[in-house]
N, C-alpha and C. Protein backbone atom coordinates (compact mmCIF):
# COMPACT_ATOMS: atom_id res chain seq x y z
N UNK A 1 -134.87 119.14 96.23
CA UNK A 1 -135.06 120.57 95.98
C UNK A 1 -133.87 121.09 95.19
N UNK A 2 -134.13 121.86 94.15
CA UNK A 2 -133.04 122.38 93.32
C UNK A 2 -132.41 123.60 93.95
N UNK A 3 -131.20 123.91 93.51
CA UNK A 3 -130.53 125.10 94.02
C UNK A 3 -131.21 126.34 93.45
N UNK A 4 -131.13 127.45 94.17
CA UNK A 4 -131.80 128.66 93.70
C UNK A 4 -131.06 129.25 92.52
N UNK A 5 -131.83 129.75 91.57
CA UNK A 5 -131.25 130.39 90.41
C UNK A 5 -131.81 131.80 90.33
N UNK A 6 -131.04 132.68 89.76
CA UNK A 6 -131.46 134.06 89.62
C UNK A 6 -132.10 134.24 88.26
N UNK A 7 -133.31 134.78 88.25
CA UNK A 7 -134.01 135.06 87.01
C UNK A 7 -133.37 136.26 86.33
N UNK A 8 -133.27 136.21 85.02
CA UNK A 8 -132.72 137.34 84.27
C UNK A 8 -133.83 138.36 84.05
N UNK A 9 -133.53 139.61 84.35
CA UNK A 9 -134.47 140.71 84.18
C UNK A 9 -134.10 141.43 82.90
N UNK A 10 -135.01 141.43 81.93
CA UNK A 10 -134.77 142.07 80.64
C UNK A 10 -135.12 143.56 80.77
N UNK A 11 -134.21 144.42 80.36
CA UNK A 11 -134.43 145.87 80.43
C UNK A 11 -134.30 146.48 79.04
N UNK A 12 -134.91 147.65 78.87
CA UNK A 12 -134.85 148.36 77.60
C UNK A 12 -134.06 149.65 77.80
N UNK A 13 -133.78 150.34 76.72
CA UNK A 13 -133.06 151.61 76.79
C UNK A 13 -133.84 152.63 77.62
N UNK A 14 -135.16 152.52 77.64
CA UNK A 14 -135.98 153.43 78.44
C UNK A 14 -135.77 153.24 79.94
N UNK A 15 -135.27 152.08 80.36
CA UNK A 15 -135.03 151.79 81.78
C UNK A 15 -133.72 152.38 82.28
N UNK A 16 -132.92 152.96 81.38
CA UNK A 16 -131.61 153.49 81.76
C UNK A 16 -131.73 154.91 82.26
N UNK A 17 -130.95 155.35 83.21
CA UNK A 17 -129.88 154.59 83.85
C UNK A 17 -130.46 153.49 84.75
N UNK A 18 -129.84 152.35 84.70
CA UNK A 18 -130.30 151.17 85.41
C UNK A 18 -129.81 151.20 86.86
N UNK A 19 -130.73 150.91 87.77
CA UNK A 19 -130.33 150.80 89.18
C UNK A 19 -131.05 149.64 89.83
N UNK A 20 -130.46 149.15 90.88
CA UNK A 20 -131.02 148.05 91.66
C UNK A 20 -131.00 148.48 93.12
N UNK A 21 -132.04 148.22 93.89
CA UNK A 21 -133.26 147.56 93.49
C UNK A 21 -134.13 148.47 92.62
N UNK A 22 -134.90 147.84 91.75
CA UNK A 22 -135.78 148.58 90.85
C UNK A 22 -137.04 149.04 91.55
N UNK A 23 -137.86 149.82 90.86
CA UNK A 23 -139.06 150.37 91.47
C UNK A 23 -140.09 149.33 91.87
N UNK A 24 -140.06 148.15 91.27
CA UNK A 24 -141.04 147.11 91.59
C UNK A 24 -140.47 146.00 92.46
N UNK A 25 -139.30 146.22 93.03
CA UNK A 25 -138.67 145.19 93.87
C UNK A 25 -139.47 145.00 95.16
N UNK A 26 -139.60 143.75 95.60
CA UNK A 26 -140.32 143.50 96.86
C UNK A 26 -139.56 144.09 98.06
N UNK A 27 -140.30 144.45 99.08
CA UNK A 27 -139.72 145.09 100.27
C UNK A 27 -138.59 144.27 100.89
N UNK A 28 -138.72 142.94 100.88
CA UNK A 28 -137.70 142.10 101.52
C UNK A 28 -136.36 142.15 100.79
N UNK A 29 -136.35 142.58 99.54
CA UNK A 29 -135.11 142.58 98.78
C UNK A 29 -134.41 143.94 98.74
N UNK A 30 -134.85 144.86 99.56
CA UNK A 30 -134.28 146.21 99.54
C UNK A 30 -132.82 146.21 100.03
N UNK A 31 -131.99 146.98 99.37
CA UNK A 31 -130.60 147.20 99.75
C UNK A 31 -130.25 148.59 99.25
N UNK A 32 -129.09 149.13 99.59
CA UNK A 32 -128.73 150.46 99.08
C UNK A 32 -128.80 150.49 97.55
N UNK A 33 -129.32 151.60 97.01
CA UNK A 33 -129.43 151.72 95.54
C UNK A 33 -128.04 151.79 94.93
N UNK A 34 -127.85 150.99 93.90
CA UNK A 34 -126.59 150.97 93.17
C UNK A 34 -126.93 151.10 91.68
N UNK A 35 -126.21 151.98 91.00
CA UNK A 35 -126.40 152.14 89.56
C UNK A 35 -125.49 151.15 88.85
N UNK A 36 -126.02 150.52 87.79
CA UNK A 36 -125.32 149.44 87.10
C UNK A 36 -125.05 149.82 85.65
N UNK A 37 -123.84 149.55 85.18
CA UNK A 37 -123.46 149.85 83.80
C UNK A 37 -123.76 148.64 82.92
N UNK A 38 -124.86 148.73 82.20
CA UNK A 38 -125.26 147.64 81.31
C UNK A 38 -124.90 147.96 79.86
N UNK A 39 -124.60 149.24 79.58
CA UNK A 39 -124.37 149.68 78.20
C UNK A 39 -123.12 149.06 77.58
N UNK A 40 -122.09 148.81 78.36
CA UNK A 40 -120.83 148.34 77.77
C UNK A 40 -120.85 146.86 77.39
N UNK A 41 -121.55 146.03 78.15
CA UNK A 41 -121.54 144.59 77.87
C UNK A 41 -122.90 144.01 77.50
N UNK A 42 -123.98 144.74 77.80
CA UNK A 42 -125.32 144.24 77.50
C UNK A 42 -125.93 143.44 78.62
N UNK A 43 -125.15 143.15 79.66
CA UNK A 43 -125.70 142.48 80.83
C UNK A 43 -124.84 142.77 82.05
N UNK A 44 -125.46 142.66 83.22
CA UNK A 44 -124.76 142.99 84.46
C UNK A 44 -125.50 142.34 85.63
N UNK A 45 -124.77 142.05 86.70
CA UNK A 45 -125.37 141.52 87.92
C UNK A 45 -125.17 142.51 89.06
N UNK A 46 -126.15 142.60 89.93
CA UNK A 46 -126.07 143.49 91.08
C UNK A 46 -125.08 142.92 92.10
N UNK A 47 -124.16 143.76 92.59
CA UNK A 47 -123.19 143.27 93.58
C UNK A 47 -123.82 142.99 94.95
N UNK A 48 -125.00 143.54 95.22
CA UNK A 48 -125.65 143.30 96.51
C UNK A 48 -126.50 142.04 96.52
N UNK A 49 -127.39 141.90 95.53
CA UNK A 49 -128.36 140.81 95.58
C UNK A 49 -128.21 139.80 94.45
N UNK A 50 -127.27 140.02 93.56
CA UNK A 50 -126.98 139.14 92.42
C UNK A 50 -128.09 139.10 91.38
N UNK A 51 -129.02 140.05 91.42
CA UNK A 51 -130.04 140.12 90.36
C UNK A 51 -129.30 140.30 89.04
N UNK A 52 -129.74 139.56 88.03
CA UNK A 52 -129.06 139.60 86.73
C UNK A 52 -129.94 140.36 85.74
N UNK A 53 -129.36 141.38 85.12
CA UNK A 53 -130.06 142.23 84.16
C UNK A 53 -129.45 142.03 82.79
N UNK A 54 -130.31 142.02 81.77
CA UNK A 54 -129.84 141.87 80.39
C UNK A 54 -130.59 142.87 79.53
N UNK A 55 -129.86 143.55 78.66
CA UNK A 55 -130.45 144.51 77.74
C UNK A 55 -131.21 143.75 76.66
N UNK A 56 -132.44 144.18 76.40
CA UNK A 56 -133.28 143.52 75.41
C UNK A 56 -132.55 143.52 74.07
N UNK A 57 -132.60 142.39 73.39
CA UNK A 57 -131.90 142.24 72.10
C UNK A 57 -132.40 143.29 71.11
N UNK A 58 -131.44 143.94 70.45
CA UNK A 58 -131.78 144.94 69.46
C UNK A 58 -131.93 146.35 70.00
N UNK A 59 -131.85 146.52 71.32
CA UNK A 59 -131.98 147.86 71.92
C UNK A 59 -130.76 148.70 71.60
N UNK A 60 -130.97 149.95 71.33
CA UNK A 60 -129.89 150.90 71.07
C UNK A 60 -129.77 151.83 72.28
N UNK A 61 -128.57 151.90 72.83
CA UNK A 61 -128.33 152.75 74.00
C UNK A 61 -127.68 154.04 73.52
N UNK A 62 -128.33 155.16 73.82
CA UNK A 62 -127.83 156.47 73.39
C UNK A 62 -127.53 157.34 74.60
N UNK A 63 -126.34 157.86 74.68
CA UNK A 63 -125.99 158.83 75.72
C UNK A 63 -125.87 158.32 77.12
N UNK A 64 -125.67 157.01 77.31
CA UNK A 64 -125.50 156.48 78.67
C UNK A 64 -124.14 155.86 78.80
């Protein structure tokens, strides 16, 4: 059995401000909502569940 890996969740500028857990997260993965800064680096991981988010290539972030 392989070790577990975290799938990268691709987000767009329309998804900002980004928070985890997201609106479609399964009930078992619920934790306190945390807002994540993806605008500065283009990717970020949640400190609670390690979900990895990446800004869709070519997306322009305005005002976040």
